[in-house]
Each structure stands twice: as structure tokens, then as C-alpha cells.
Protein backbone atom coordinates (compact mmCIF):
# COMPACT_ATOMS: atom_id res chain seq x y z
CA MET A 1 28.53 -6.84 159.35
CA THR A 2 26.83 -9.77 160.83
CA ILE A 3 23.12 -10.41 161.32
CA ALA A 4 23.31 -9.36 164.96
CA HIS A 5 24.85 -5.91 164.00
CA ASP A 6 22.10 -5.61 161.20
CA GLU A 7 19.39 -6.13 163.93
CA ALA A 8 21.04 -3.74 166.45
CA ARG A 9 21.16 -1.20 163.69
CA THR A 10 17.67 -1.68 162.69
CA ARG A 11 16.55 -1.35 166.27
CA LEU A 12 18.79 1.73 166.90
CA GLU A 13 17.33 3.31 163.64
CA GLY A 14 13.81 2.61 165.08
CA LEU A 15 14.46 4.19 168.39
CA LEU A 16 16.11 7.20 166.64
CA ARG A 17 12.87 7.75 164.78
CA GLU A 18 10.83 7.45 167.95
CA ALA A 19 13.12 9.85 169.80
CA LEU A 20 12.95 12.44 166.83
CA ALA A 21 9.04 11.94 166.66
CA LEU A 22 8.85 12.58 170.44
CA ALA A 23 11.07 15.71 170.09
CA ASP A 24 8.96 17.10 167.46
CA CYS A 25 5.78 16.54 169.58
CA CYS A 26 7.51 18.08 172.41
CA GLU A 27 8.38 21.12 170.43
CA TRP A 28 4.76 21.42 169.30
CA MET A 29 3.53 20.93 172.88
CA LEU A 30 5.83 23.92 173.93
CA VAL A 31 4.51 26.07 171.10
CA ALA A 32 0.94 25.13 172.25
CA ILE A 33 1.83 26.13 175.88
CA HIS A 34 3.21 29.54 174.76
CA VAL A 35 0.27 30.21 172.62
CA GLU A 36 -2.18 29.39 175.65
CA GLU A 37 -0.10 31.61 177.95
CA ALA A 38 -0.17 34.53 175.49
CA TYR A 39 -4.05 34.03 175.04
CA GLN A 40 -4.56 34.15 178.70
CA ALA A 41 -2.52 37.19 179.22
CA LEU A 42 -4.65 38.94 176.36
CA ALA A 43 -7.82 37.86 178.09
CA ARG A 44 -6.54 39.18 181.47
CA GLU A 45 -5.70 42.44 179.75
CA ALA A 46 -9.18 42.84 177.97
CA GLU A 47 -11.05 42.08 181.45
CA ALA A 48 -8.89 44.79 183.02
CA LYS A 49 -9.87 47.39 180.49
CA PRO A 50 -13.19 49.24 180.87
CA PRO A 51 -15.95 48.42 178.40
CA ARG A 52 -16.27 50.54 175.28
CA PRO A 53 -19.34 52.65 174.80
CA ALA A 54 -21.54 51.40 172.19
CA ALA A 55 -21.21 53.24 168.72
CA HIS A 56 -24.34 54.72 167.33
């Protein structure tokens, strides 16, 4: 391999690492969105229920 090939491979490896990091970040962002949606659904459900009487 020539120096140009080595440099290109090094740049490509760096770009691949960045792409994998972004994919991981996006996956966690999707998880966070799903959790937030589930939390909001539970909150709406709780608001729709009548309050429980206090236990004595």
C-alpha cells in the first residue's frame, strides 16, 4: 500500500467510527423518545382516573 492508501484507510476508519457513534446515539435517542411517549401515556391515563379516597 502507498502512503495515500494508508491515509485514505485511516480517514475511512475514522469516518466509520464516527458513523457508529452517531448510530449508537440515534438508537439511544429513539429509546428516550419511546420512554417519554410511554410516560406521557401513563400520565394521561392517571389523569383520566378518578382520585382514590384517602385510606384511614
